[in-house]
Structures are given as C-alpha cells and as structure tokens.
Amino acid sequence: MQTLKRYKWTWILLLLALGMAGYLLWSTLDLGKKELPVIGAVQDFSLENVEGEQVTLADTQGKARLVYFFFTECPDVCPITTFMLSQTQDLLVKEGSFGKDVEFVSISFDPENDTREAIKTFADRFHADYSGWHFLRGDQEEVRKLAAESFKVMIAGNNKDNFAHANLIGLVDRDNNLRALYDAGDSENVTPEFLAETVQELARE
C-alpha cells in the first residue's frame, strides 16, 4: 500500500505528460481540425487577362485558389490587400506550391479605367508572379454578378463617385467550390502566413 501511495503522483504526472504530448501531436498534425464546409459552387466565367487572353474558371480547376475583387484606382483596401497577397505569394513560392498546387485570381470590376495596361502596372507594383496569379477584367455587370452570387461580395457605386465593396478573399477548392471567405481587414488573424497555410491545406485535401 505504501509503495502504491509513493508512486501515485508519479503515475499522475506521467499520464498528464502523455496526455499533453498526445494533444500536441494532434494539433501539430491537424488531426483535430474540422474540414471547411462547402459554401457553394463558383459559377463559370470567361475573363480577359493582362495578355489579352481569355481565362475561364476551368483553366484554374484542379488547384486551390484565393480569389479577390479589386479596382486599380482604389485609394485604400485594394492595394493593401494585394500587398498581403503578394507576401502570401512569396511564402508559397518558397514552399514550391505556387502555380503548381495553388493559384491566385484577382478580378477587376472597373473595366472602364482598368485596361490591361493599367492592371499590369498595378500588378507589377506588387511583383505579381503571373505563372500563378491571374489578373482579370471583364464586363462590369458580369463581374458584379459573379462577385455577389458566388463570393457574397457586394459592389456598389461607380468609378466617378468611387466604389464601395466588401474586402473579402475567397478560398476556392480544386472542384470550384467556395470553402471560406476571409475579411482581409482582419490583420490580427488574416495574415500572409495564415493564408499560405490554409490554401496549402486545401490543396492537399
């Protein structure tokens, strides 16, 4: 009996240590992470890239994608978010997954001002790697419909009075399903590291 009492706390501490080790392993391997739900299917599109070529949703299928709606004359959130995406791009390039397993799609909703040349100038400011980052433009109403119906991004206003739009980044899986929407203004949680990790996890799904 004395022997059992003597080793009682040793066993308790050992069990606690094993439990903590198991929890850390579970967390490290993401075994406890829930799969992201399917929010909805992304509708097909055919839009023009900076080279004047048509890019469709099917052209990017089979890869996990981050999708963002912007306009080049945006005075605030668009350049800030595009810079964050460029930092995410750099992390993914280091991992060897950018353009291979992961792609970005940035879609302008101001075709009057956002010519191919204007978009390329904007993209080049952020050192966009066109091998895995599509900058696209198209008919304004078509783009607004795509943004609202597939990505829950509402766009109001016009290029004379300035646009108002939700500053959201869409996460799309290999089968063209929207899996998450992230508030790009949430700098505490939505970081380049978070986006890089999340989109790579989706690519491995």
C-alpha atoms as a PDB file:
ATOM      1  CA  MET A   1       0.000   0.000   0.000  1.00  0.00           C
ATOM      2  CA  GLN A   2       2.844   2.400   0.903  1.00  0.00           C
ATOM      3  CA  THR A   3       4.511   1.642  -2.441  1.00  0.00           C
ATOM      4  CA  LEU A   4       1.301   2.487  -4.328  1.00  0.00           C
ATOM      5  CA  LYS A   5       0.944   5.787  -2.444  1.00  0.00           C
ATOM      6  CA  ARG A   6       4.601   6.597  -3.058  1.00  0.00           C
ATOM      7  CA  TYR A   7       4.225   6.263  -6.839  1.00  0.00           C
ATOM      8  CA  LYS A   8       0.699   7.704  -7.075  1.00  0.00           C
ATOM      9  CA  TRP A   9       1.792  11.210  -8.092  1.00  0.00           C
ATOM     10  CA  THR A  10       4.480   9.844 -10.372  1.00  0.00           C
ATOM     11  CA  TRP A  11       1.814   7.990 -12.359  1.00  0.00           C
ATOM     12  CA  ILE A  12      -0.499  11.013 -12.382  1.00  0.00           C
ATOM     13  CA  LEU A  13       2.295  13.256 -13.691  1.00  0.00           C
ATOM     14  CA  LEU A  14       3.229  10.645 -16.286  1.00  0.00           C
ATOM     15  CA  LEU A  15      -0.369  10.379 -17.502  1.00  0.00           C
ATOM     16  CA  LEU A  16      -0.665  14.172 -17.689  1.00  0.00           C
ATOM     17  CA  ALA A  17       2.588  14.346 -19.680  1.00  0.00           C
ATOM     18  CA  LEU A  18       1.372  11.664 -22.067  1.00  0.00           C
ATOM     19  CA  GLY A  19      -1.944  13.445 -22.444  1.00  0.00           C
ATOM     20  CA  MET A  20      -0.223  16.743 -23.257  1.00  0.00           C
ATOM     21  CA  ALA A  21       2.109  15.030 -25.723  1.00  0.00           C
ATOM     22  CA  GLY A  22      -0.902  13.438 -27.423  1.00  0.00           C
ATOM     23  CA  TYR A  23      -2.671  16.783 -27.632  1.00  0.00           C
ATOM     24  CA  LEU A  24       0.387  18.476 -29.133  1.00  0.00           C
ATOM     25  CA  LEU A  25       0.726  15.685 -31.700  1.00  0.00           C
ATOM     26  CA  TRP A  26      -2.971  16.021 -32.535  1.00  0.00           C
ATOM     27  CA  SER A  27      -2.591  19.774 -33.009  1.00  0.00           C
ATOM     28  CA  THR A  28       0.643  19.550 -34.978  1.00  0.00           C
ATOM     29  CA  LEU A  29      -0.741  17.033 -37.432  1.00  0.00           C
ATOM     30  CA  ASP A  30      -4.081  18.905 -37.652  1.00  0.00           C
ATOM     31  CA  LEU A  31      -5.867  15.678 -36.749  1.00  0.00           C
ATOM     32  CA  GLY A  32      -8.445  17.619 -34.776  1.00  0.00           C
ATOM     33  CA  LYS A  33      -9.117  20.243 -37.418  1.00  0.00           C
ATOM     34  CA  LYS A  34     -12.552  20.193 -38.971  1.00  0.00           C
ATOM     35  CA  GLU A  35     -12.831  20.211 -42.740  1.00  0.00           C
ATOM     36  CA  LEU A  36     -14.026  23.514 -44.172  1.00  0.00           C
ATOM     37  CA  PRO A  37     -17.670  23.382 -45.280  1.00  0.00           C
ATOM     38  CA  VAL A  38     -18.773  23.910 -48.879  1.00  0.00           C
ATOM     39  CA  ILE A  39     -20.437  27.323 -49.042  1.00  0.00           C
ATOM     40  CA  GLY A  40     -21.480  26.983 -52.674  1.00  0.00           C
ATOM     41  CA  ALA A  41     -20.322  26.360 -56.221  1.00  0.00           C
ATOM     42  CA  VAL A  42     -18.470  29.139 -58.063  1.00  0.00           C
ATOM     43  CA  GLN A  43     -20.162  29.980 -61.347  1.00  0.00           C
ATOM     44  CA  ASP A  44     -18.176  29.702 -64.540  1.00  0.00           C
ATOM     45  CA  PHE A  45     -16.614  32.789 -66.080  1.00  0.00           C
ATOM     46  CA  SER A  46     -14.538  33.848 -69.059  1.00  0.00           C
ATOM     47  CA  LEU A  47     -12.469  36.974 -68.436  1.00  0.00           C
ATOM     48  CA  GLU A  48      -9.519  38.712 -70.090  1.00  0.00           C
ATOM     49  CA  ASN A  49      -6.033  38.624 -68.584  1.00  0.00           C
ATOM     50  CA  VAL A  50      -3.251  41.211 -68.972  1.00  0.00           C
ATOM     51  CA  GLU A  51      -2.061  39.485 -72.155  1.00  0.00           C
ATOM     52  CA  GLY A  52      -5.492  39.768 -73.780  1.00  0.00           C
ATOM     53  CA  GLU A  53      -6.192  36.034 -73.429  1.00  0.00           C
ATOM     54  CA  GLN A  54      -9.462  34.614 -72.128  1.00  0.00           C
ATOM     55  CA  VAL A  55      -9.197  32.784 -68.812  1.00  0.00           C
ATOM     56  CA  THR A  56     -12.049  30.586 -67.618  1.00  0.00           C
ATOM     57  CA  LEU A  57     -12.799  29.019 -64.263  1.00  0.00           C
ATOM     58  CA  ALA A  58     -11.987  25.641 -65.806  1.00  0.00           C
ATOM     59  CA  ASP A  59      -8.469  26.882 -66.653  1.00  0.00           C
ATOM     60  CA  THR A  60      -7.676  27.110 -62.944  1.00  0.00           C
ATOM     61  CA  GLN A  61      -9.532  23.970 -61.853  1.00  0.00           C
ATOM     62  CA  GLY A  62      -7.574  21.306 -60.006  1.00  0.00           C
ATOM     63  CA  LYS A  63      -5.791  23.833 -57.804  1.00  0.00           C
ATOM     64  CA  ALA A  64      -6.732  25.607 -54.588  1.00  0.00           C
ATOM     65  CA  ARG A  65      -7.303  29.300 -55.245  1.00  0.00           C
ATOM     66  CA  LEU A  66      -7.528  32.615 -53.461  1.00  0.00           C
ATOM     67  CA  VAL A  67      -9.920  34.998 -55.246  1.00  0.00           C
ATOM     68  CA  TYR A  68     -10.065  38.764 -54.735  1.00  0.00           C
ATOM     69  CA  PHE A  69     -12.142  41.544 -56.368  1.00  0.00           C
ATOM     70  CA  PHE A  70     -10.453  44.931 -56.766  1.00  0.00           C
ATOM     71  CA  PHE A  71     -10.038  48.086 -58.848  1.00  0.00           C
ATOM     72  CA  THR A  72      -6.717  49.740 -59.547  1.00  0.00           C
ATOM     73  CA  GLU A  73      -7.739  53.264 -58.513  1.00  0.00           C
ATOM     74  CA  CYS A  74      -8.856  52.056 -55.094  1.00  0.00           C
ATOM     75  CA  PRO A  75      -7.496  54.532 -52.521  1.00  0.00           C
ATOM     76  CA  ASP A  76      -7.247  52.175 -49.583  1.00  0.00           C
ATOM     77  CA  VAL A  77      -8.067  48.485 -49.136  1.00  0.00           C
ATOM     78  CA  CYS A  78      -7.285  47.068 -52.606  1.00  0.00           C
ATOM     79  CA  PRO A  79      -3.557  47.913 -52.655  1.00  0.00           C
ATOM     80  CA  ILE A  80      -3.171  46.888 -49.015  1.00  0.00           C
ATOM     81  CA  THR A  81      -4.835  43.517 -49.635  1.00  0.00           C
ATOM     82  CA  THR A  82      -2.933  42.966 -52.881  1.00  0.00           C
ATOM     83  CA  PHE A  83       0.303  43.603 -50.990  1.00  0.00           C
ATOM     84  CA  MET A  84      -0.725  40.974 -48.428  1.00  0.00           C
ATOM     85  CA  LEU A  85      -1.437  38.538 -51.251  1.00  0.00           C
ATOM     86  CA  SER A  86       1.988  39.277 -52.732  1.00  0.00           C
ATOM     87  CA  GLN A  87       3.556  38.370 -49.375  1.00  0.00           C
ATOM     88  CA  THR A  88       1.496  35.180 -49.375  1.00  0.00           C
ATOM     89  CA  GLN A  89       2.735  34.501 -52.902  1.00  0.00           C
ATOM     90  CA  ASP A  90       6.337  34.774 -51.745  1.00  0.00           C
ATOM     91  CA  LEU A  91       5.731  32.251 -48.953  1.00  0.00           C
ATOM     92  CA  LEU A  92       4.114  29.806 -51.385  1.00  0.00           C
ATOM     93  CA  VAL A  93       6.956  30.228 -53.884  1.00  0.00           C
ATOM     94  CA  LYS A  94       9.393  29.206 -51.139  1.00  0.00           C
ATOM     95  CA  GLU A  95       7.213  26.163 -50.414  1.00  0.00           C
ATOM     96  CA  GLY A  96       7.206  25.248 -54.115  1.00  0.00           C
ATOM     97  CA  SER A  97       3.409  25.187 -54.334  1.00  0.00           C
ATOM     98  CA  PHE A  98       2.683  28.493 -56.073  1.00  0.00           C
ATOM     99  CA  GLY A  99       1.444  27.962 -59.611  1.00  0.00           C
ATOM    100  CA  LYS A 100       1.639  24.199 -59.095  1.00  0.00           C
ATOM    101  CA  ASP A 101      -0.944  23.456 -56.403  1.00  0.00           C
ATOM    102  CA  VAL A 102      -2.135  26.973 -55.622  1.00  0.00           C
ATOM    103  CA  GLU A 103      -3.165  29.961 -57.735  1.00  0.00           C
ATOM    104  CA  PHE A 104      -4.494  33.467 -57.125  1.00  0.00           C
ATOM    105  CA  VAL A 105      -7.244  35.160 -59.119  1.00  0.00           C
ATOM    106  CA  SER A 106      -7.681  38.949 -58.858  1.00  0.00           C
ATOM    107  CA  ILE A 107     -10.691  40.304 -60.765  1.00  0.00           C
ATOM    108  CA  SER A 108     -11.241  43.974 -61.590  1.00  0.00           C
ATOM    109  CA  PHE A 109     -14.775  45.370 -61.538  1.00  0.00           C
ATOM    110  CA  ASP A 110     -13.847  48.697 -63.211  1.00  0.00           C
ATOM    111  CA  PRO A 111     -13.240  47.835 -66.884  1.00  0.00           C
ATOM    112  CA  GLU A 112     -13.548  51.467 -67.997  1.00  0.00           C
ATOM    113  CA  ASN A 113     -10.396  52.506 -66.152  1.00  0.00           C
ATOM    114  CA  ASP A 114      -8.788  49.117 -65.644  1.00  0.00           C
ATOM    115  CA  THR A 115      -7.361  48.456 -69.071  1.00  0.00           C
ATOM    116  CA  ARG A 116      -4.940  45.568 -69.497  1.00  0.00           C
ATOM    117  CA  GLU A 117      -2.079  48.049 -69.265  1.00  0.00           C
ATOM    118  CA  ALA A 118      -3.423  49.679 -66.081  1.00  0.00           C
ATOM    119  CA  ILE A 119      -3.923  46.310 -64.415  1.00  0.00           C
ATOM    120  CA  LYS A 120      -0.443  45.118 -65.381  1.00  0.00           C
ATOM    121  CA  THR A 121       1.084  48.308 -63.960  1.00  0.00           C
ATOM    122  CA  PHE A 122      -0.866  47.738 -60.741  1.00  0.00           C
ATOM    123  CA  ALA A 123       0.126  44.052 -60.537  1.00  0.00           C
ATOM    124  CA  ASP A 124       3.785  44.785 -61.253  1.00  0.00           C
ATOM    125  CA  ARG A 125       3.874  47.157 -58.271  1.00  0.00           C
ATOM    126  CA  PHE A 126       3.363  44.089 -56.111  1.00  0.00           C
ATOM    127  CA  HIS A 127       5.777  41.837 -58.004  1.00  0.00           C
ATOM    128  CA  ALA A 128       2.976  39.518 -59.109  1.00  0.00           C
ATOM    129  CA  ASP A 129       4.165  36.184 -60.464  1.00  0.00           C
ATOM    130  CA  TYR A 130       1.913  35.651 -63.482  1.00  0.00           C
ATOM    131  CA  SER A 131       2.714  31.941 -63.580  1.00  0.00           C
ATOM    132  CA  GLY A 132       0.300  31.522 -60.687  1.00  0.00           C
ATOM    133  CA  TRP A 133      -1.542  34.825 -60.351  1.00  0.00           C
ATOM    134  CA  HIS A 134      -4.281  35.761 -62.839  1.00  0.00           C
ATOM    135  CA  PHE A 135      -5.279  39.423 -63.055  1.00  0.00           C
ATOM    136  CA  LEU A 136      -8.570  39.565 -64.953  1.00  0.00           C
ATOM    137  CA  ARG A 137     -11.105  42.054 -66.289  1.00  0.00           C
ATOM    138  CA  GLY A 138     -14.474  41.815 -67.999  1.00  0.00           C
ATOM    139  CA  ASP A 139     -17.938  43.289 -68.374  1.00  0.00           C
ATOM    140  CA  GLN A 140     -18.788  45.194 -65.197  1.00  0.00           C
ATOM    141  CA  GLU A 141     -22.261  43.720 -64.713  1.00  0.00           C
ATOM    142  CA  GLU A 142     -20.954  40.201 -65.334  1.00  0.00           C
ATOM    143  CA  VAL A 143     -18.221  40.689 -62.748  1.00  0.00           C
ATOM    144  CA  ARG A 144     -20.634  42.205 -60.215  1.00  0.00           C
ATOM    145  CA  LYS A 145     -22.933  39.217 -60.658  1.00  0.00           C
ATOM    146  CA  LEU A 146     -20.039  36.768 -60.210  1.00  0.00           C
ATOM    147  CA  ALA A 147     -18.852  38.619 -57.095  1.00  0.00           C
ATOM    148  CA  ALA A 148     -22.301  38.769 -55.489  1.00  0.00           C
ATOM    149  CA  GLU A 149     -23.633  35.332 -56.357  1.00  0.00           C
ATOM    150  CA  SER A 150     -20.505  33.209 -55.973  1.00  0.00           C
ATOM    151  CA  PHE A 151     -18.462  35.152 -53.399  1.00  0.00           C
ATOM    152  CA  LYS A 152     -21.035  37.182 -51.421  1.00  0.00           C
ATOM    153  CA  VAL A 153     -19.063  40.317 -52.367  1.00  0.00           C
ATOM    154  CA  MET A 154     -21.402  43.250 -52.925  1.00  0.00           C
ATOM    155  CA  ILE A 155     -20.097  46.083 -55.101  1.00  0.00           C
ATOM    156  CA  ALA A 156     -21.822  49.477 -55.051  1.00  0.00           C
ATOM    157  CA  GLY A 157     -21.114  52.828 -56.688  1.00  0.00           C
ATOM    158  CA  ASN A 158     -19.230  53.666 -59.846  1.00  0.00           C
ATOM    159  CA  ASN A 159     -15.849  54.904 -60.981  1.00  0.00           C
ATOM    160  CA  LYS A 160     -16.977  58.547 -60.846  1.00  0.00           C
ATOM    161  CA  ASP A 161     -18.079  58.598 -57.212  1.00  0.00           C
ATOM    162  CA  ASN A 162     -15.828  55.747 -56.084  1.00  0.00           C
ATOM    163  CA  PHE A 163     -16.795  52.153 -55.409  1.00  0.00           C
ATOM    164  CA  ALA A 164     -17.790  50.546 -52.135  1.00  0.00           C
ATOM    165  CA  HIS A 165     -17.161  46.825 -51.856  1.00  0.00           C
ATOM    166  CA  ALA A 166     -16.694  44.064 -49.328  1.00  0.00           C
ATOM    167  CA  ASN A 167     -12.992  43.469 -48.782  1.00  0.00           C
ATOM    168  CA  LEU A 168     -13.143  39.674 -48.779  1.00  0.00           C
ATOM    169  CA  ILE A 169     -10.776  36.967 -50.008  1.00  0.00           C
ATOM    170  CA  GLY A 170     -12.481  33.815 -51.253  1.00  0.00           C
ATOM    171  CA  LEU A 171     -10.958  30.370 -50.767  1.00  0.00           C
ATOM    172  CA  VAL A 172     -11.887  28.003 -53.619  1.00  0.00           C
ATOM    173  CA  ASP A 173     -11.093  24.297 -53.748  1.00  0.00           C
ATOM    174  CA  ARG A 174      -9.952  22.145 -56.675  1.00  0.00           C
ATOM    175  CA  ASP A 175     -13.564  21.361 -57.634  1.00  0.00           C
ATOM    176  CA  ASN A 176     -14.615  25.026 -57.891  1.00  0.00           C
ATOM    177  CA  ASN A 177     -16.405  25.151 -54.548  1.00  0.00           C
ATOM    178  CA  LEU A 178     -16.181  28.194 -52.297  1.00  0.00           C
ATOM    179  CA  ARG A 179     -14.953  26.927 -48.928  1.00  0.00           C
ATOM    180  CA  ALA A 180     -14.321  30.108 -46.934  1.00  0.00           C
ATOM    181  CA  LEU A 181     -14.416  33.896 -47.029  1.00  0.00           C
ATOM    182  CA  TYR A 182     -11.817  35.883 -45.115  1.00  0.00           C
ATOM    183  CA  ASP A 183     -12.027  39.526 -44.070  1.00  0.00           C
ATOM    184  CA  ALA A 184      -8.831  40.990 -45.479  1.00  0.00           C
ATOM    185  CA  GLY A 185      -9.078  43.831 -42.984  1.00  0.00           C
ATOM    186  CA  ASP A 186      -8.716  41.469 -40.034  1.00  0.00           C
ATOM    187  CA  SER A 187      -4.957  41.972 -39.801  1.00  0.00           C
ATOM    188  CA  GLU A 188      -4.733  40.143 -36.482  1.00  0.00           C
ATOM    189  CA  ASN A 189      -5.980  36.836 -37.875  1.00  0.00           C
ATOM    190  CA  VAL A 190      -5.804  37.054 -41.664  1.00  0.00           C
ATOM    191  CA  THR A 191      -2.070  37.226 -42.311  1.00  0.00           C
ATOM    192  CA  PRO A 192       0.134  36.037 -45.196  1.00  0.00           C
ATOM    193  CA  GLU A 193       1.209  33.096 -43.054  1.00  0.00           C
ATOM    194  CA  PHE A 194      -2.400  32.151 -42.306  1.00  0.00           C
ATOM    195  CA  LEU A 195      -3.440  32.395 -45.963  1.00  0.00           C
ATOM    196  CA  ALA A 196      -0.440  30.396 -47.169  1.00  0.00           C
ATOM    197  CA  GLU A 197      -1.041  27.621 -44.646  1.00  0.00           C
ATOM    198  CA  THR A 198      -4.788  27.496 -45.273  1.00  0.00           C
ATOM    199  CA  VAL A 199      -4.656  27.402 -49.057  1.00  0.00           C
ATOM    200  CA  GLN A 200      -1.940  24.715 -48.990  1.00  0.00           C
ATOM    201  CA  GLU A 201      -4.025  22.601 -46.628  1.00  0.00           C
ATOM    202  CA  LEU A 202      -6.954  22.884 -49.038  1.00  0.00           C
ATOM    203  CA  ALA A 203      -4.717  21.895 -51.941  1.00  0.00           C
ATOM    204  CA  ARG A 204      -3.770  18.715 -50.059  1.00  0.00           C
ATOM    205  CA  GLU A 205      -7.378  17.854 -49.273  1.00  0.00           C
END
